[in-house]
Amino acid sequence: MSSAETRFPAFWLRPVVAVLGLLYLALGIAGFLTPETADVGHETSRAVWIFSVTPLLNLVHTAVGVLGLLAATRRARSIIYCWVLFVGFTGMTAYGILATALVNPEDPINLNWADNWLHGLTAIAGLVLGIVAARAVNRVAARSR
């Protein structure tokens, strides 16, 4: 183990969280810049690239992005952010699968399968990053005792 890893366990986490934050912030802002996003309801034509957009979903993506950038300032915040991503996006994925499968025309979030994949992969990334970073911090703390 290098001296950088013993002094700064999980040093790689903060840049990874910052990149996740930037990606979600870009997606949220791009969604707000898309014309005709003020409507609610399931409409597959309202999209940024392959991801659906609505004001509520854009707000969620922008908030996740801003919180990611704020969390990237400290390692402990980054670990907490990863766990929040896991819990929040697991819920979003479950809701998205049901909403996409049932196709409710009054769905306020307008999720599609690409959104479900994005949210599911983000939840898995949050889980993996949270576990690996917490284990790295605990391993270094145990060695210093």
N, C-alpha and C. Protein backbone atom coordinates (compact mmCIF):
# COMPACT_ATOMS: atom_id res chain seq x y z
N MET A 1 0.85 -1.17 0.00
CA MET A 1 0.00 0.00 0.00
C MET A 1 0.89 1.23 0.00
N SER A 2 0.62 2.17 -0.88
CA SER A 2 1.46 3.36 -0.98
C SER A 2 1.16 4.32 0.17
N SER A 3 2.07 5.28 0.35
CA SER A 3 1.88 6.24 1.43
C SER A 3 0.68 7.13 1.17
N ALA A 4 0.36 7.40 -0.11
CA ALA A 4 -0.82 8.21 -0.42
C ALA A 4 -2.09 7.49 -0.01
N GLU A 5 -2.13 6.17 -0.19
CA GLU A 5 -3.32 5.41 0.18
C GLU A 5 -3.48 5.33 1.69
N THR A 6 -2.38 5.32 2.44
CA THR A 6 -2.51 5.26 3.89
C THR A 6 -2.87 6.62 4.46
N ARG A 7 -2.38 7.69 3.85
CA ARG A 7 -2.73 9.03 4.35
C ARG A 7 -4.11 9.46 3.88
N PHE A 8 -4.50 9.10 2.67
CA PHE A 8 -5.77 9.52 2.10
C PHE A 8 -6.54 8.31 1.58
N PRO A 9 -7.16 7.54 2.46
CA PRO A 9 -7.90 6.36 1.98
C PRO A 9 -9.05 6.79 1.07
N ALA A 10 -9.26 6.01 0.06
CA ALA A 10 -10.32 6.28 -0.93
C ALA A 10 -10.15 7.65 -1.57
N PHE A 11 -8.90 7.99 -1.89
CA PHE A 11 -8.59 9.28 -2.50
C PHE A 11 -9.26 9.44 -3.86
N TRP A 12 -9.59 8.36 -4.51
CA TRP A 12 -10.20 8.35 -5.84
C TRP A 12 -11.69 8.68 -5.79
N LEU A 13 -12.31 8.62 -4.60
CA LEU A 13 -13.76 8.76 -4.50
C LEU A 13 -14.24 10.16 -4.86
N ARG A 14 -13.56 11.17 -4.37
CA ARG A 14 -14.03 12.54 -4.60
C ARG A 14 -14.07 12.90 -6.08
N PRO A 15 -13.05 12.58 -6.88
CA PRO A 15 -13.17 12.89 -8.32
C PRO A 15 -14.29 12.10 -9.01
N VAL A 16 -14.50 10.86 -8.59
CA VAL A 16 -15.58 10.05 -9.19
C VAL A 16 -16.93 10.67 -8.87
N VAL A 17 -17.12 11.10 -7.62
CA VAL A 17 -18.37 11.74 -7.22
C VAL A 17 -18.55 13.06 -7.97
N ALA A 18 -17.47 13.80 -8.16
CA ALA A 18 -17.56 15.06 -8.92
C ALA A 18 -17.99 14.80 -10.36
N VAL A 19 -17.46 13.76 -10.98
CA VAL A 19 -17.85 13.42 -12.36
C VAL A 19 -19.32 13.02 -12.42
N LEU A 20 -19.77 12.20 -11.47
CA LEU A 20 -21.20 11.84 -11.42
C LEU A 20 -22.06 13.09 -11.27
N GLY A 21 -21.64 13.98 -10.38
CA GLY A 21 -22.37 15.22 -10.17
C GLY A 21 -22.43 16.06 -11.44
N LEU A 22 -21.31 16.18 -12.13
CA LEU A 22 -21.28 16.96 -13.37
C LEU A 22 -22.18 16.35 -14.44
N LEU A 23 -22.18 15.03 -14.55
CA LEU A 23 -23.03 14.37 -15.55
C LEU A 23 -24.51 14.64 -15.27
N TYR A 24 -24.91 14.49 -14.02
CA TYR A 24 -26.32 14.73 -13.70
C TYR A 24 -26.68 16.21 -13.80
N LEU A 25 -25.76 17.08 -13.44
CA LEU A 25 -26.02 18.51 -13.58
C LEU A 25 -26.19 18.88 -15.06
N ALA A 26 -25.34 18.34 -15.91
CA ALA A 26 -25.46 18.60 -17.35
C ALA A 26 -26.78 18.07 -17.90
N LEU A 27 -27.17 16.88 -17.47
CA LEU A 27 -28.44 16.30 -17.93
C LEU A 27 -29.62 17.14 -17.46
N GLY A 28 -29.58 17.60 -16.21
CA GLY A 28 -30.66 18.42 -15.68
C GLY A 28 -30.77 19.76 -16.39
N ILE A 29 -29.64 20.42 -16.60
CA ILE A 29 -29.67 21.72 -17.28
C ILE A 29 -30.10 21.54 -18.74
N ALA A 30 -29.60 20.52 -19.41
CA ALA A 30 -30.02 20.27 -20.79
C ALA A 30 -31.52 20.01 -20.87
N GLY A 31 -32.07 19.35 -19.86
CA GLY A 31 -33.50 19.11 -19.84
C GLY A 31 -34.30 20.39 -19.71
N PHE A 32 -33.79 21.34 -18.90
CA PHE A 32 -34.48 22.62 -18.77
C PHE A 32 -34.39 23.44 -20.05
N LEU A 33 -33.35 23.25 -20.83
CA LEU A 33 -33.18 24.01 -22.07
C LEU A 33 -33.95 23.41 -23.24
N THR A 34 -34.49 22.22 -23.07
CA THR A 34 -35.27 21.57 -24.12
C THR A 34 -36.64 22.24 -24.22
N PRO A 35 -37.08 22.58 -25.43
CA PRO A 35 -38.39 23.21 -25.57
C PRO A 35 -39.51 22.25 -25.18
N GLU A 36 -40.62 22.82 -24.76
CA GLU A 36 -41.83 22.08 -24.41
C GLU A 36 -41.63 21.10 -23.26
N THR A 37 -40.86 21.49 -22.25
CA THR A 37 -40.71 20.61 -21.09
C THR A 37 -41.67 20.98 -19.97
N ALA A 38 -42.51 21.98 -20.16
CA ALA A 38 -43.42 22.38 -19.10
C ALA A 38 -44.61 21.44 -18.97
N ASP A 39 -44.85 20.61 -19.96
CA ASP A 39 -45.97 19.68 -19.91
C ASP A 39 -45.64 18.50 -19.00
N VAL A 40 -46.69 17.93 -18.41
CA VAL A 40 -46.53 16.71 -17.63
C VAL A 40 -47.30 15.60 -18.34
N GLY A 41 -47.01 14.39 -17.99
CA GLY A 41 -47.66 13.26 -18.62
C GLY A 41 -46.66 12.47 -19.44
N HIS A 42 -47.04 11.26 -19.75
CA HIS A 42 -46.12 10.37 -20.47
C HIS A 42 -46.10 10.75 -21.94
N GLU A 43 -44.98 11.25 -22.38
CA GLU A 43 -44.80 11.66 -23.78
C GLU A 43 -43.36 11.35 -24.17
N THR A 44 -43.19 10.38 -25.05
CA THR A 44 -41.85 9.91 -25.40
C THR A 44 -41.08 10.88 -26.28
N SER A 45 -41.74 11.86 -26.87
CA SER A 45 -41.04 12.78 -27.76
C SER A 45 -40.24 13.84 -27.00
N ARG A 46 -40.55 14.07 -25.74
CA ARG A 46 -39.80 15.04 -24.94
C ARG A 46 -38.58 14.33 -24.36
N ALA A 47 -37.41 14.60 -24.96
CA ALA A 47 -36.22 13.88 -24.52
C ALA A 47 -34.96 14.70 -24.80
N VAL A 48 -33.95 14.45 -23.98
CA VAL A 48 -32.59 14.91 -24.22
C VAL A 48 -31.80 13.66 -24.54
N TRP A 49 -31.33 13.60 -25.78
CA TRP A 49 -30.68 12.42 -26.32
C TRP A 49 -31.67 11.27 -26.23
N ILE A 50 -31.51 10.31 -25.29
CA ILE A 50 -32.46 9.21 -25.16
C ILE A 50 -33.21 9.27 -23.84
N PHE A 51 -32.94 10.29 -23.02
CA PHE A 51 -33.53 10.38 -21.69
C PHE A 51 -34.72 11.33 -21.69
N SER A 52 -35.81 10.92 -21.04
CA SER A 52 -37.01 11.74 -20.96
C SER A 52 -36.77 12.98 -20.11
N VAL A 53 -37.55 14.02 -20.39
CA VAL A 53 -37.45 15.25 -19.61
C VAL A 53 -38.83 15.72 -19.20
N THR A 54 -38.93 16.18 -17.98
CA THR A 54 -40.06 16.91 -17.43
C THR A 54 -39.47 17.87 -16.40
N PRO A 55 -40.22 18.89 -16.01
CA PRO A 55 -39.67 19.80 -15.01
C PRO A 55 -39.26 19.08 -13.71
N LEU A 56 -40.06 18.13 -13.27
CA LEU A 56 -39.74 17.42 -12.03
C LEU A 56 -38.48 16.57 -12.18
N LEU A 57 -38.36 15.85 -13.26
CA LEU A 57 -37.17 15.02 -13.50
C LEU A 57 -35.93 15.89 -13.69
N ASN A 58 -36.08 17.01 -14.38
CA ASN A 58 -34.95 17.94 -14.55
C ASN A 58 -34.51 18.49 -13.20
N LEU A 59 -35.47 18.80 -12.35
CA LEU A 59 -35.14 19.30 -11.01
C LEU A 59 -34.39 18.24 -10.21
N VAL A 60 -34.83 17.00 -10.29
CA VAL A 60 -34.16 15.91 -9.57
C VAL A 60 -32.74 15.74 -10.09
N HIS A 61 -32.56 15.71 -11.40
CA HIS A 61 -31.23 15.52 -11.98
C HIS A 61 -30.31 16.69 -11.62
N THR A 62 -30.84 17.92 -11.67
CA THR A 62 -30.03 19.09 -11.32
C THR A 62 -29.65 19.06 -9.85
N ALA A 63 -30.59 18.70 -8.98
CA ALA A 63 -30.29 18.62 -7.54
C ALA A 63 -29.25 17.55 -7.25
N VAL A 64 -29.37 16.40 -7.90
CA VAL A 64 -28.38 15.32 -7.72
C VAL A 64 -27.01 15.80 -8.17
N GLY A 65 -26.96 16.55 -9.26
CA GLY A 65 -25.69 17.08 -9.75
C GLY A 65 -25.07 18.08 -8.81
N VAL A 66 -25.86 19.03 -8.34
CA VAL A 66 -25.34 20.04 -7.41
C VAL A 66 -24.89 19.38 -6.11
N LEU A 67 -25.70 18.47 -5.58
CA LEU A 67 -25.31 17.77 -4.35
C LEU A 67 -24.04 16.94 -4.56
N GLY A 68 -23.87 16.37 -5.73
CA GLY A 68 -22.65 15.62 -6.03
C GLY A 68 -21.43 16.51 -6.02
N LEU A 69 -21.55 17.69 -6.61
CA LEU A 69 -20.42 18.62 -6.60
C LEU A 69 -20.11 19.10 -5.19
N LEU A 70 -21.13 19.34 -4.39
CA LEU A 70 -20.91 19.74 -3.00
C LEU A 70 -20.32 18.59 -2.19
N ALA A 71 -20.78 17.38 -2.43
CA ALA A 71 -20.27 16.22 -1.70
C ALA A 71 -18.82 15.92 -2.05
N ALA A 72 -18.40 16.29 -3.24
CA ALA A 72 -17.03 15.99 -3.67
C ALA A 72 -15.98 16.81 -2.93
N THR A 73 -16.41 17.73 -2.09
CA THR A 73 -15.45 18.55 -1.35
C THR A 73 -14.84 17.82 -0.15
N ARG A 74 -15.51 16.80 0.36
CA ARG A 74 -15.02 16.04 1.52
C ARG A 74 -15.26 14.55 1.29
N ARG A 75 -14.35 13.73 1.80
CA ARG A 75 -14.47 12.28 1.63
C ARG A 75 -15.70 11.73 2.34
N ALA A 76 -15.96 12.18 3.56
CA ALA A 76 -17.12 11.67 4.30
C ALA A 76 -18.42 12.03 3.59
N ARG A 77 -18.49 13.24 3.07
CA ARG A 77 -19.69 13.64 2.33
C ARG A 77 -19.85 12.79 1.07
N SER A 78 -18.74 12.46 0.43
CA SER A 78 -18.79 11.64 -0.78
C SER A 78 -19.33 10.25 -0.48
N ILE A 79 -18.92 9.69 0.64
CA ILE A 79 -19.42 8.36 1.02
C ILE A 79 -20.92 8.43 1.31
N ILE A 80 -21.35 9.45 2.03
CA ILE A 80 -22.78 9.62 2.32
C ILE A 80 -23.56 9.82 1.02
N TYR A 81 -23.01 10.61 0.11
CA TYR A 81 -23.65 10.86 -1.18
C TYR A 81 -23.85 9.55 -1.94
N CYS A 82 -22.85 8.68 -1.90
CA CYS A 82 -22.97 7.39 -2.59
C CYS A 82 -24.13 6.57 -2.03
N TRP A 83 -24.27 6.56 -0.71
CA TRP A 83 -25.37 5.81 -0.10
C TRP A 83 -26.72 6.45 -0.42
N VAL A 84 -26.77 7.78 -0.46
CA VAL A 84 -28.01 8.46 -0.83
C VAL A 84 -28.36 8.16 -2.29
N LEU A 85 -27.34 8.14 -3.17
CA LEU A 85 -27.58 7.75 -4.56
C LEU A 85 -28.18 6.35 -4.64
N PHE A 86 -27.60 5.43 -3.88
CA PHE A 86 -28.09 4.06 -3.91
C PHE A 86 -29.56 3.99 -3.50
N VAL A 87 -29.89 4.58 -2.38
CA VAL A 87 -31.27 4.51 -1.87
C VAL A 87 -32.23 5.26 -2.80
N GLY A 88 -31.88 6.48 -3.16
CA GLY A 88 -32.77 7.30 -3.99
C GLY A 88 -33.00 6.73 -5.37
N PHE A 89 -31.94 6.31 -6.01
CA PHE A 89 -32.09 5.80 -7.37
C PHE A 89 -32.60 4.38 -7.43
N THR A 90 -32.48 3.63 -6.35
CA THR A 90 -33.17 2.34 -6.30
C THR A 90 -34.68 2.57 -6.30
N GLY A 91 -35.12 3.55 -5.53
CA GLY A 91 -36.54 3.91 -5.53
C GLY A 91 -36.99 4.44 -6.88
N MET A 92 -36.17 5.29 -7.50
CA MET A 92 -36.52 5.83 -8.82
C MET A 92 -36.60 4.72 -9.86
N THR A 93 -35.70 3.75 -9.76
CA THR A 93 -35.71 2.63 -10.71
C THR A 93 -36.96 1.79 -10.53
N ALA A 94 -37.31 1.50 -9.29
CA ALA A 94 -38.52 0.70 -9.04
C ALA A 94 -39.76 1.43 -9.56
N TYR A 95 -39.86 2.73 -9.26
CA TYR A 95 -40.98 3.52 -9.75
C TYR A 95 -40.97 3.55 -11.28
N GLY A 96 -39.80 3.74 -11.86
CA GLY A 96 -39.69 3.84 -13.31
C GLY A 96 -40.09 2.57 -14.03
N ILE A 97 -39.71 1.43 -13.48
CA ILE A 97 -40.09 0.16 -14.10
C ILE A 97 -41.61 0.01 -14.10
N LEU A 98 -42.23 0.33 -12.97
CA LEU A 98 -43.70 0.25 -12.90
C LEU A 98 -44.35 1.27 -13.84
N ALA A 99 -43.86 2.51 -13.82
CA ALA A 99 -44.46 3.55 -14.65
C ALA A 99 -44.28 3.26 -16.14
N THR A 100 -43.14 2.73 -16.51
CA THR A 100 -42.90 2.42 -17.92
C THR A 100 -43.71 1.21 -18.37
N ALA A 101 -43.81 0.22 -17.52
CA ALA A 101 -44.55 -0.99 -17.88
C ALA A 101 -46.06 -0.72 -17.96
N LEU A 102 -46.57 0.13 -17.07
CA LEU A 102 -48.01 0.39 -17.04
C LEU A 102 -48.42 1.53 -17.96
N VAL A 103 -47.51 2.38 -18.39
CA VAL A 103 -47.74 3.52 -19.28
C VAL A 103 -48.98 4.32 -18.87
N ASN A 104 -48.87 5.00 -17.77
CA ASN A 104 -49.93 5.89 -17.29
C ASN A 104 -49.80 7.22 -18.02
N PRO A 105 -50.83 7.67 -18.74
CA PRO A 105 -50.72 8.93 -19.48
C PRO A 105 -50.57 10.16 -18.58
N GLU A 106 -50.86 10.02 -17.31
CA GLU A 106 -50.74 11.14 -16.38
C GLU A 106 -49.51 11.03 -15.50
N ASP A 107 -48.55 10.23 -15.90
CA ASP A 107 -47.31 10.07 -15.15
C ASP A 107 -46.56 11.40 -15.09
N PRO A 108 -46.35 11.97 -13.90
CA PRO A 108 -45.72 13.29 -13.81
C PRO A 108 -44.22 13.29 -14.10
N ILE A 109 -43.60 12.12 -14.09
CA ILE A 109 -42.14 12.09 -14.26
C ILE A 109 -41.74 11.70 -15.68
N ASN A 110 -42.60 11.03 -16.43
CA ASN A 110 -42.35 10.71 -17.84
C ASN A 110 -41.07 9.89 -18.03
N LEU A 111 -40.94 8.82 -17.29
CA LEU A 111 -39.74 7.99 -17.39
C LEU A 111 -39.85 7.03 -18.57
N ASN A 112 -38.70 6.70 -19.15
CA ASN A 112 -38.65 5.68 -20.20
C ASN A 112 -37.60 4.64 -19.79
N TRP A 113 -37.39 3.64 -20.65
CA TRP A 113 -36.46 2.56 -20.29
C TRP A 113 -35.03 3.05 -20.19
N ALA A 114 -34.65 4.04 -20.98
CA ALA A 114 -33.29 4.58 -20.87
C ALA A 114 -33.09 5.24 -19.51
N ASP A 115 -34.11 5.95 -19.02
CA ASP A 115 -34.03 6.54 -17.68
C ASP A 115 -33.91 5.45 -16.62
N ASN A 116 -34.68 4.38 -16.79
CA ASN A 116 -34.61 3.28 -15.82
C ASN A 116 -33.21 2.67 -15.77
N TRP A 117 -32.60 2.48 -16.94
CA TRP A 117 -31.23 1.95 -16.98
C TRP A 117 -30.26 2.93 -16.33
N LEU A 118 -30.40 4.22 -16.65
CA LEU A 118 -29.52 5.23 -16.05
C LEU A 118 -29.64 5.24 -14.54
N HIS A 119 -30.88 5.25 -14.05
CA HIS A 119 -31.09 5.29 -12.60
C HIS A 119 -30.65 4.00 -11.94
N GLY A 120 -30.90 2.86 -12.58
CA GLY A 120 -30.46 1.58 -12.02
C GLY A 120 -28.95 1.47 -11.95
N LEU A 121 -28.27 1.87 -13.02
CA LEU A 121 -26.81 1.83 -13.01
C LEU A 121 -26.22 2.83 -12.02
N THR A 122 -26.88 3.97 -11.85
CA THR A 122 -26.42 4.94 -10.85
C THR A 122 -26.59 4.37 -9.45
N ALA A 123 -27.69 3.67 -9.20
CA ALA A 123 -27.90 3.04 -7.89
C ALA A 123 -26.83 2.00 -7.62
N ILE A 124 -26.51 1.19 -8.61
CA ILE A 124 -25.46 0.17 -8.45
C ILE A 124 -24.11 0.85 -8.22
N ALA A 125 -23.83 1.90 -8.97
CA ALA A 125 -22.57 2.63 -8.79
C ALA A 125 -22.48 3.22 -7.39
N GLY A 126 -23.59 3.79 -6.90
CA GLY A 126 -23.60 4.33 -5.54
C GLY A 126 -23.33 3.26 -4.50
N LEU A 127 -23.93 2.09 -4.68
CA LEU A 127 -23.71 0.98 -3.75
C LEU A 127 -22.26 0.52 -3.77
N VAL A 128 -21.73 0.29 -4.95
CA VAL A 128 -20.35 -0.21 -5.07
C VAL A 128 -19.36 0.83 -4.53
N LEU A 129 -19.53 2.08 -4.94
CA LEU A 129 -18.62 3.13 -4.46
C LEU A 129 -18.71 3.31 -2.96
N GLY A 130 -19.93 3.28 -2.42
CA GLY A 130 -20.10 3.43 -0.97
C GLY A 130 -19.44 2.31 -0.19
N ILE A 131 -19.62 1.08 -0.65
CA ILE A 131 -19.02 -0.07 0.05
C ILE A 131 -17.50 -0.04 -0.05
N VAL A 132 -16.98 0.15 -1.25
CA VAL A 132 -15.52 0.12 -1.45
C VAL A 132 -14.85 1.26 -0.69
N ALA A 133 -15.42 2.45 -0.74
CA ALA A 133 -14.82 3.59 -0.04
C ALA A 133 -14.88 3.41 1.47
N ALA A 134 -16.02 2.95 1.98
CA ALA A 134 -16.14 2.74 3.43
C ALA A 134 -15.17 1.66 3.90
N ARG A 135 -15.01 0.61 3.12
CA ARG A 135 -14.06 -0.45 3.49
C ARG A 135 -12.63 0.07 3.48
N ALA A 136 -12.28 0.91 2.51
CA ALA A 136 -10.93 1.46 2.44
C ALA A 136 -10.65 2.35 3.65
N VAL A 137 -11.61 3.16 4.03
CA VAL A 137 -11.43 4.03 5.19
C VAL A 137 -11.32 3.20 6.46
N ASN A 138 -12.17 2.19 6.60
CA ASN A 138 -12.13 1.33 7.80
C ASN A 138 -10.84 0.52 7.86
N ARG A 139 -10.35 0.07 6.73
CA ARG A 139 -9.11 -0.72 6.70
C ARG A 139 -7.93 0.13 7.18
N VAL A 140 -7.85 1.36 6.71
CA VAL A 140 -6.76 2.25 7.12
C VAL A 140 -6.91 2.62 8.59
N ALA A 141 -8.14 2.84 9.05
CA ALA A 141 -8.36 3.17 10.46
C ALA A 141 -7.97 2.00 11.35
N ALA A 142 -8.24 0.78 10.92
CA ALA A 142 -7.88 -0.39 11.72
C ALA A 142 -6.37 -0.57 11.79
N ARG A 143 -5.66 -0.25 10.72
CA ARG A 143 -4.20 -0.38 10.72
C ARG A 143 -3.52 0.67 11.58
N SER A 144 -4.16 1.81 11.74
CA SER A 144 -3.53 2.88 12.52
C SER A 144 -3.74 2.72 14.02
N ARG A 145 -4.55 1.75 14.42
CA ARG A 145 -4.79 1.54 15.86
C ARG A 145 -3.67 0.82 16.50
